[in-house]
Amino acid sequence: MKAAVLLSGGIDSTTCLALAIKKLGPHNVIALNMHYGQKHEKECLCAQKIADYYKVKYYEHDISSAFKYSNCSLLATSDKEIKHESYAQQLEELGGEGTVETYVPFRNGVMLSIASAIALSLGAGEVYYGAHADDRAGRAYPDCTVEFFASMSEAVKQGTGGLCVLKAPLLYMNKAEVVKTGLELSAPYKYTWSCYEGGETPCGNCGTCIDRANAFKANGVKDPAL
């Protein structure tokens, strides 16, 4: 069995890659990076470094045209500033539930559909992606929910005649548990990038920077990328 792993260059996808490699070996794993029109290239550059570290085949695919009408603050075409608040603060402002401003419309659905097509074309029967429990809190990212995964999994299964299946090994883990898993696998977190801003160093104040810092702190470990 071969697997394709959606690799953004962040902690979650890197942990997924480490899990797939542990299960299948690097010669049976493909890394797929999707450029969706984000404001910076840092994650993509990190994804390449991580794939090189593991010596797995690496493919990049541009899906930015799918989001050219969106004004999500993560996108290069957006006129919005990225909020420097935790996800908990943002959800509180939404009354406890709702999509946050960094939600790119149906991004995971688009990525998983394309990844499944690429995987089949390259002889891979599994597609991994790194959704985890914290991402679905308050439905901040609805394409990370258990319901979405179940529905998308069935769609891919039916649409490929059972030749491709989706895997979300982090789905029931929180961010701290994801980091714990990656540390146990010696995942190369020093090469990862999570910050939504594209500076020389992470801003430390956006939602994903805050989540990342808290996850390493919960594990009593210094972030190796800092």
C-alpha atoms as a PDB file:
ATOM      1  CA  MET A   1       0.000   0.000   0.000  1.00  0.00           C
ATOM      2  CA  LYS A   2       1.192   3.505  -0.871  1.00  0.00           C
ATOM      3  CA  ALA A   3      -0.072   6.723   0.719  1.00  0.00           C
ATOM      4  CA  ALA A   4      -0.147  10.386  -0.224  1.00  0.00           C
ATOM      5  CA  VAL A   5       0.139  12.858   2.665  1.00  0.00           C
ATOM      6  CA  LEU A   6      -1.095  16.443   2.431  1.00  0.00           C
ATOM      7  CA  LEU A   7       1.979  18.286   3.698  1.00  0.00           C
ATOM      8  CA  SER A   8       1.574  21.993   4.415  1.00  0.00           C
ATOM      9  CA  GLY A   9       4.842  22.398   6.299  1.00  0.00           C
ATOM     10  CA  GLY A  10       3.155  22.790   9.687  1.00  0.00           C
ATOM     11  CA  ILE A  11       3.151  20.592  12.784  1.00  0.00           C
ATOM     12  CA  ASP A  12      -0.034  18.628  12.079  1.00  0.00           C
ATOM     13  CA  SER A  13       0.795  17.559   8.540  1.00  0.00           C
ATOM     14  CA  THR A  14       4.390  16.780   9.512  1.00  0.00           C
ATOM     15  CA  THR A  15       3.107  14.488  12.258  1.00  0.00           C
ATOM     16  CA  CYS A  16       0.828  12.794   9.721  1.00  0.00           C
ATOM     17  CA  LEU A  17       3.809  12.285   7.432  1.00  0.00           C
ATOM     18  CA  ALA A  18       5.823  10.773  10.282  1.00  0.00           C
ATOM     19  CA  LEU A  19       2.961   8.377  11.081  1.00  0.00           C
ATOM     20  CA  ALA A  20       2.571   7.321   7.454  1.00  0.00           C
ATOM     21  CA  ILE A  21       6.305   6.717   7.113  1.00  0.00           C
ATOM     22  CA  LYS A  22       6.384   4.683  10.315  1.00  0.00           C
ATOM     23  CA  LYS A  23       3.548   2.511   8.996  1.00  0.00           C
ATOM     24  CA  LEU A  24       4.558   2.185   5.350  1.00  0.00           C
ATOM     25  CA  GLY A  25       8.193   3.250   4.992  1.00  0.00           C
ATOM     26  CA  PRO A  26       9.420   6.330   3.051  1.00  0.00           C
ATOM     27  CA  HIS A  27       9.483   4.486  -0.289  1.00  0.00           C
ATOM     28  CA  ASN A  28       5.706   4.025  -0.040  1.00  0.00           C
ATOM     29  CA  VAL A  29       4.842   7.610   0.893  1.00  0.00           C
ATOM     30  CA  ILE A  30       4.269  10.655  -1.306  1.00  0.00           C
ATOM     31  CA  ALA A  31       4.140  14.238   0.034  1.00  0.00           C
ATOM     32  CA  LEU A  32       1.655  16.610  -1.610  1.00  0.00           C
ATOM     33  CA  ASN A  33       1.839  20.353  -1.030  1.00  0.00           C
ATOM     34  CA  MET A  34      -1.099  22.502  -2.124  1.00  0.00           C
ATOM     35  CA  HIS A  35      -0.483  26.193  -2.793  1.00  0.00           C
ATOM     36  CA  TYR A  36      -3.842  27.829  -2.137  1.00  0.00           C
ATOM     37  CA  GLY A  37      -2.885  31.484  -2.625  1.00  0.00           C
ATOM     38  CA  GLN A  38      -1.659  32.180   0.900  1.00  0.00           C
ATOM     39  CA  LYS A  39       0.089  35.450   1.749  1.00  0.00           C
ATOM     40  CA  HIS A  40       3.535  33.877   2.125  1.00  0.00           C
ATOM     41  CA  GLU A  41       5.595  30.942   0.900  1.00  0.00           C
ATOM     42  CA  LYS A  42       7.155  29.966   4.230  1.00  0.00           C
ATOM     43  CA  GLU A  43       5.060  26.834   4.781  1.00  0.00           C
ATOM     44  CA  CYS A  44       5.673  25.615   1.231  1.00  0.00           C
ATOM     45  CA  LEU A  45       9.430  26.020   1.622  1.00  0.00           C
ATOM     46  CA  CYS A  46       9.264  24.143   4.911  1.00  0.00           C
ATOM     47  CA  ALA A  47       7.226  21.350   3.322  1.00  0.00           C
ATOM     48  CA  GLN A  48      10.004  20.820   0.791  1.00  0.00           C
ATOM     49  CA  LYS A  49      12.610  20.674   3.588  1.00  0.00           C
ATOM     50  CA  ILE A  50      10.550  18.121   5.505  1.00  0.00           C
ATOM     51  CA  ALA A  51      10.054  15.937   2.420  1.00  0.00           C
ATOM     52  CA  ASP A  52      13.801  16.127   1.738  1.00  0.00           C
ATOM     53  CA  TYR A  53      14.521  15.173   5.353  1.00  0.00           C
ATOM     54  CA  TYR A  54      12.429  12.022   4.998  1.00  0.00           C
ATOM     55  CA  LYS A  55      13.595  11.387   1.413  1.00  0.00           C
ATOM     56  CA  VAL A  56      10.044  11.020   0.114  1.00  0.00           C
ATOM     57  CA  LYS A  57       8.770  12.049  -3.298  1.00  0.00           C
ATOM     58  CA  TYR A  58       7.391  15.568  -3.197  1.00  0.00           C
ATOM     59  CA  TYR A  59       4.790  17.197  -5.438  1.00  0.00           C
ATOM     60  CA  GLU A  60       3.407  20.739  -5.446  1.00  0.00           C
ATOM     61  CA  HIS A  61       0.047  21.675  -6.891  1.00  0.00           C
ATOM     62  CA  ASP A  62      -1.465  25.153  -7.311  1.00  0.00           C
ATOM     63  CA  ILE A  63      -5.140  25.364  -6.330  1.00  0.00           C
ATOM     64  CA  SER A  64      -5.229  29.130  -5.736  1.00  0.00           C
ATOM     65  CA  SER A  65      -7.743  29.781  -8.536  1.00  0.00           C
ATOM     66  CA  ALA A  66     -10.421  28.007  -6.483  1.00  0.00           C
ATOM     67  CA  PHE A  67     -10.220  30.747  -3.845  1.00  0.00           C
ATOM     68  CA  LYS A  68      -9.748  33.860  -5.971  1.00  0.00           C
ATOM     69  CA  TYR A  69     -13.207  35.155  -5.024  1.00  0.00           C
ATOM     70  CA  SER A  70     -12.660  34.729  -1.283  1.00  0.00           C
ATOM     71  CA  ASN A  71     -11.632  37.553   1.034  1.00  0.00           C
ATOM     72  CA  CYS A  72     -10.253  35.207   3.723  1.00  0.00           C
ATOM     73  CA  SER A  73      -7.500  37.034   5.603  1.00  0.00           C
ATOM     74  CA  LEU A  74      -4.968  34.260   4.869  1.00  0.00           C
ATOM     75  CA  LEU A  75      -5.053  34.912   1.135  1.00  0.00           C
ATOM     76  CA  ALA A  76      -2.699  37.186  -0.782  1.00  0.00           C
ATOM     77  CA  THR A  77      -5.693  38.748  -2.562  1.00  0.00           C
ATOM     78  CA  SER A  78      -7.401  39.721   0.716  1.00  0.00           C
ATOM     79  CA  ASP A  79      -7.495  43.239   2.128  1.00  0.00           C
ATOM     80  CA  LYS A  80      -8.032  41.935   5.669  1.00  0.00           C
ATOM     81  CA  GLU A  81      -5.419  41.865   8.398  1.00  0.00           C
ATOM     82  CA  ILE A  82      -4.827  38.557  10.153  1.00  0.00           C
ATOM     83  CA  LYS A  83      -6.235  38.673  13.674  1.00  0.00           C
ATOM     84  CA  HIS A  84      -3.687  38.466  16.470  1.00  0.00           C
ATOM     85  CA  GLU A  85      -5.963  36.626  18.888  1.00  0.00           C
ATOM     86  CA  SER A  86      -6.274  33.073  20.123  1.00  0.00           C
ATOM     87  CA  TYR A  87      -8.939  30.864  18.562  1.00  0.00           C
ATOM     88  CA  ALA A  88     -10.715  30.823  21.917  1.00  0.00           C
ATOM     89  CA  GLN A  89     -10.964  34.636  21.843  1.00  0.00           C
ATOM     90  CA  GLN A  90     -12.212  34.602  18.256  1.00  0.00           C
ATOM     91  CA  LEU A  91     -14.870  32.000  19.053  1.00  0.00           C
ATOM     92  CA  GLU A  92     -15.955  33.998  22.091  1.00  0.00           C
ATOM     93  CA  GLU A  93     -16.529  36.987  19.812  1.00  0.00           C
ATOM     94  CA  LEU A  94     -18.658  34.721  17.590  1.00  0.00           C
ATOM     95  CA  GLY A  95     -20.801  33.671  20.535  1.00  0.00           C
ATOM     96  CA  GLY A  96     -19.032  30.354  21.004  1.00  0.00           C
ATOM     97  CA  GLU A  97     -19.484  28.913  17.525  1.00  0.00           C
ATOM     98  CA  GLY A  98     -18.775  29.882  13.925  1.00  0.00           C
ATOM     99  CA  THR A  99     -16.062  29.966  11.301  1.00  0.00           C
ATOM    100  CA  VAL A 100     -13.044  32.120  12.089  1.00  0.00           C
ATOM    101  CA  GLU A 101     -11.603  34.614   9.608  1.00  0.00           C
ATOM    102  CA  THR A 102      -8.750  32.281   8.707  1.00  0.00           C
ATOM    103  CA  TYR A 103     -11.157  29.636   7.401  1.00  0.00           C
ATOM    104  CA  VAL A 104     -10.551  29.267   3.656  1.00  0.00           C
ATOM    105  CA  PRO A 105     -13.865  28.194   2.047  1.00  0.00           C
ATOM    106  CA  PHE A 106     -13.996  24.375   1.765  1.00  0.00           C
ATOM    107  CA  ARG A 107     -10.219  24.266   1.447  1.00  0.00           C
ATOM    108  CA  ASN A 108      -9.865  20.769   2.865  1.00  0.00           C
ATOM    109  CA  GLY A 109     -12.637  19.509   0.606  1.00  0.00           C
ATOM    110  CA  VAL A 110     -10.852  20.903  -2.457  1.00  0.00           C
ATOM    111  CA  MET A 111      -7.466  19.606  -1.293  1.00  0.00           C
ATOM    112  CA  LEU A 112      -8.716  16.131  -0.476  1.00  0.00           C
ATOM    113  CA  SER A 113     -10.547  15.800  -3.794  1.00  0.00           C
ATOM    114  CA  ILE A 114      -7.479  16.792  -5.776  1.00  0.00           C
ATOM    115  CA  ALA A 115      -5.161  14.769  -3.541  1.00  0.00           C
ATOM    116  CA  SER A 116      -7.306  11.673  -4.113  1.00  0.00           C
ATOM    117  CA  ALA A 117      -7.084  12.124  -7.883  1.00  0.00           C
ATOM    118  CA  ILE A 118      -3.311  12.621  -7.719  1.00  0.00           C
ATOM    119  CA  ALA A 119      -2.884   9.701  -5.323  1.00  0.00           C
ATOM    120  CA  LEU A 120      -4.722   7.332  -7.650  1.00  0.00           C
ATOM    121  CA  SER A 121      -2.716   8.581 -10.624  1.00  0.00           C
ATOM    122  CA  LEU A 122       0.524   7.884  -8.738  1.00  0.00           C
ATOM    123  CA  GLY A 123      -0.511   4.469  -7.476  1.00  0.00           C
ATOM    124  CA  ALA A 124      -1.381   5.460  -3.900  1.00  0.00           C
ATOM    125  CA  GLY A 125      -4.517   4.119  -2.234  1.00  0.00           C
ATOM    126  CA  GLU A 126      -4.545   6.272   0.911  1.00  0.00           C
ATOM    127  CA  VAL A 127      -4.638  10.030   1.494  1.00  0.00           C
ATOM    128  CA  TYR A 128      -3.664  11.431   4.910  1.00  0.00           C
ATOM    129  CA  TYR A 129      -4.614  14.854   6.235  1.00  0.00           C
ATOM    130  CA  GLY A 130      -3.955  16.480   9.581  1.00  0.00           C
ATOM    131  CA  ALA A 131      -7.306  17.612  11.001  1.00  0.00           C
ATOM    132  CA  HIS A 132      -7.349  17.460  14.801  1.00  0.00           C
ATOM    133  CA  ALA A 133      -9.786  18.102  17.649  1.00  0.00           C
ATOM    134  CA  ASP A 134      -8.794  21.712  18.376  1.00  0.00           C
ATOM    135  CA  ASP A 135      -9.491  22.735  14.764  1.00  0.00           C
ATOM    136  CA  ARG A 136     -13.125  21.698  15.033  1.00  0.00           C
ATOM    137  CA  ALA A 137     -13.812  23.376  18.390  1.00  0.00           C
ATOM    138  CA  GLY A 138     -16.831  25.626  17.935  1.00  0.00           C
ATOM    139  CA  ARG A 139     -16.828  24.616  14.259  1.00  0.00           C
ATOM    140  CA  ALA A 140     -14.069  27.173  13.697  1.00  0.00           C
ATOM    141  CA  TYR A 141     -12.932  25.029  10.780  1.00  0.00           C
ATOM    142  CA  PRO A 142     -15.965  22.969   9.682  1.00  0.00           C
ATOM    143  CA  ASP A 143     -13.894  20.983   7.177  1.00  0.00           C
ATOM    144  CA  CYS A 144     -11.993  19.505  10.137  1.00  0.00           C
ATOM    145  CA  THR A 145     -15.012  18.018  11.891  1.00  0.00           C
ATOM    146  CA  VAL A 146     -15.718  14.332  12.408  1.00  0.00           C
ATOM    147  CA  GLU A 147     -18.884  14.724  10.319  1.00  0.00           C
ATOM    148  CA  PHE A 148     -16.956  16.264   7.419  1.00  0.00           C
ATOM    149  CA  PHE A 149     -14.345  13.507   7.535  1.00  0.00           C
ATOM    150  CA  ALA A 150     -16.995  10.783   7.527  1.00  0.00           C
ATOM    151  CA  SER A 151     -18.854  12.344   4.594  1.00  0.00           C
ATOM    152  CA  MET A 152     -15.721  13.107   2.590  1.00  0.00           C
ATOM    153  CA  SER A 153     -14.371   9.622   3.240  1.00  0.00           C
ATOM    154  CA  GLU A 154     -17.533   8.075   1.871  1.00  0.00           C
ATOM    155  CA  ALA A 155     -17.474  10.385  -1.169  1.00  0.00           C
ATOM    156  CA  VAL A 156     -13.869   9.444  -1.970  1.00  0.00           C
ATOM    157  CA  LYS A 157     -14.581   5.758  -1.429  1.00  0.00           C
ATOM    158  CA  GLN A 158     -17.599   5.846  -3.727  1.00  0.00           C
ATOM    159  CA  GLY A 159     -15.988   8.150  -6.275  1.00  0.00           C
ATOM    160  CA  THR A 160     -12.896   5.967  -6.630  1.00  0.00           C
ATOM    161  CA  GLY A 161     -14.635   2.613  -6.540  1.00  0.00           C
ATOM    162  CA  GLY A 162     -12.961   1.900  -3.224  1.00  0.00           C
ATOM    163  CA  LEU A 163      -9.485   2.341  -4.689  1.00  0.00           C
ATOM    164  CA  CYS A 164      -8.663   5.305  -2.437  1.00  0.00           C
ATOM    165  CA  VAL A 165      -9.470   5.946   1.227  1.00  0.00           C
ATOM    166  CA  LEU A 166      -8.949   8.957   3.479  1.00  0.00           C
ATOM    167  CA  LYS A 167      -6.986   8.800   6.728  1.00  0.00           C
ATOM    168  CA  ALA A 168      -7.120  11.392   9.525  1.00  0.00           C
ATOM    169  CA  PRO A 169      -4.968   9.845  12.278  1.00  0.00           C
ATOM    170  CA  LEU A 170      -4.997  13.008  14.412  1.00  0.00           C
ATOM    171  CA  LEU A 171      -8.756  13.529  14.320  1.00  0.00           C
ATOM    172  CA  TYR A 172      -9.362  12.814  18.014  1.00  0.00           C
ATOM    173  CA  MET A 173      -6.140  14.393  19.326  1.00  0.00           C
ATOM    174  CA  ASN A 174      -5.782  17.937  20.605  1.00  0.00           C
ATOM    175  CA  LYS A 175      -2.752  20.007  19.579  1.00  0.00           C
ATOM    176  CA  ALA A 176      -0.706  18.996  22.624  1.00  0.00           C
ATOM    177  CA  GLU A 177      -1.353  15.326  21.854  1.00  0.00           C
ATOM    178  CA  VAL A 178      -0.346  15.883  18.230  1.00  0.00           C
ATOM    179  CA  VAL A 179       2.967  17.359  19.370  1.00  0.00           C
ATOM    180  CA  LYS A 180       3.462  14.521  21.857  1.00  0.00           C
ATOM    181  CA  THR A 181       2.941  12.003  19.046  1.00  0.00           C
ATOM    182  CA  GLY A 182       5.368  13.815  16.771  1.00  0.00           C
ATOM    183  CA  LEU A 183       8.016  14.075  19.465  1.00  0.00           C
ATOM    184  CA  GLU A 184       7.749  10.323  20.062  1.00  0.00           C
ATOM    185  CA  LEU A 185       8.332   9.809  16.332  1.00  0.00           C
ATOM    186  CA  SER A 186      11.223  12.328  16.255  1.00  0.00           C
ATOM    187  CA  ALA A 187       9.352  14.402  13.668  1.00  0.00           C
ATOM    188  CA  PRO A 188      11.574  17.223  12.332  1.00  0.00           C
ATOM    189  CA  TYR A 189       9.619  20.057  13.958  1.00  0.00           C
ATOM    190  CA  LYS A 190      12.654  22.335  13.612  1.00  0.00           C
ATOM    191  CA  TYR A 191      11.785  22.636   9.915  1.00  0.00           C
ATOM    192  CA  THR A 192       8.094  23.417  10.409  1.00  0.00           C
ATOM    193  CA  TRP A 193       6.320  26.745  10.124  1.00  0.00           C
ATOM    194  CA  SER A 194       2.904  27.538  11.613  1.00  0.00           C
ATOM    195  CA  CYS A 195       2.646  31.344  11.731  1.00  0.00           C
ATOM    196  CA  TYR A 196       0.063  32.961   9.472  1.00  0.00           C
ATOM    197  CA  GLU A 197       2.392  35.903   8.920  1.00  0.00           C
ATOM    198  CA  GLY A 198       5.354  35.532   6.596  1.00  0.00           C
ATOM    199  CA  GLY A 199       8.075  37.294   8.546  1.00  0.00           C
ATOM    200  CA  GLU A 200      11.591  36.128   9.261  1.00  0.00           C
ATOM    201  CA  THR A 201      10.429  34.788  12.623  1.00  0.00           C
ATOM    202  CA  PRO A 202       6.948  33.741  13.845  1.00  0.00           C
ATOM    203  CA  CYS A 203       4.799  36.634  15.082  1.00  0.00           C
ATOM    204  CA  GLY A 204       3.830  34.729  18.249  1.00  0.00           C
ATOM    205  CA  ASN A 205       0.420  36.431  18.360  1.00  0.00           C
ATOM    206  CA  CYS A 206      -1.784  34.878  15.675  1.00  0.00           C
ATOM    207  CA  GLY A 207      -4.122  31.998  16.551  1.00  0.00           C
ATOM    208  CA  THR A 208      -1.860  29.273  15.218  1.00  0.00           C
ATOM    209  CA  CYS A 209       1.260  30.686  16.898  1.00  0.00           C
ATOM    210  CA  ILE A 210      -0.569  30.735  20.230  1.00  0.00           C
ATOM    211  CA  ASP A 211      -1.813  27.153  19.771  1.00  0.00           C
ATOM    212  CA  ARG A 212       1.656  25.965  18.819  1.00  0.00           C
ATOM    213  CA  ALA A 213       3.315  27.606  21.826  1.00  0.00           C
ATOM    214  CA  ASN A 214       0.743  26.136  24.212  1.00  0.00           C
ATOM    215  CA  ALA A 215       1.165  22.647  22.714  1.00  0.00           C
ATOM    216  CA  PHE A 216       4.940  22.607  23.235  1.00  0.00           C
ATOM    217  CA  LYS A 217       4.522  24.099  26.699  1.00  0.00           C
ATOM    218  CA  ALA A 218       2.059  21.339  27.611  1.00  0.00           C
ATOM    219  CA  ASN A 219       4.717  18.800  26.653  1.00  0.00           C
ATOM    220  CA  GLY A 220       7.417  20.604  28.637  1.00  0.00           C
ATOM    221  CA  VAL A 221       9.560  21.020  25.537  1.00  0.00           C
ATOM    222  CA  LYS A 222      11.045  24.093  23.880  1.00  0.00           C
ATOM    223  CA  ASP A 223       9.820  24.641  20.336  1.00  0.00           C
ATOM    224  CA  PRO A 224      12.773  23.442  18.195  1.00  0.00           C
ATOM    225  CA  ALA A 225      11.923  25.922  15.439  1.00  0.00           C
ATOM    226  CA  LEU A 226      12.575  28.911  17.709  1.00  0.00           C
END
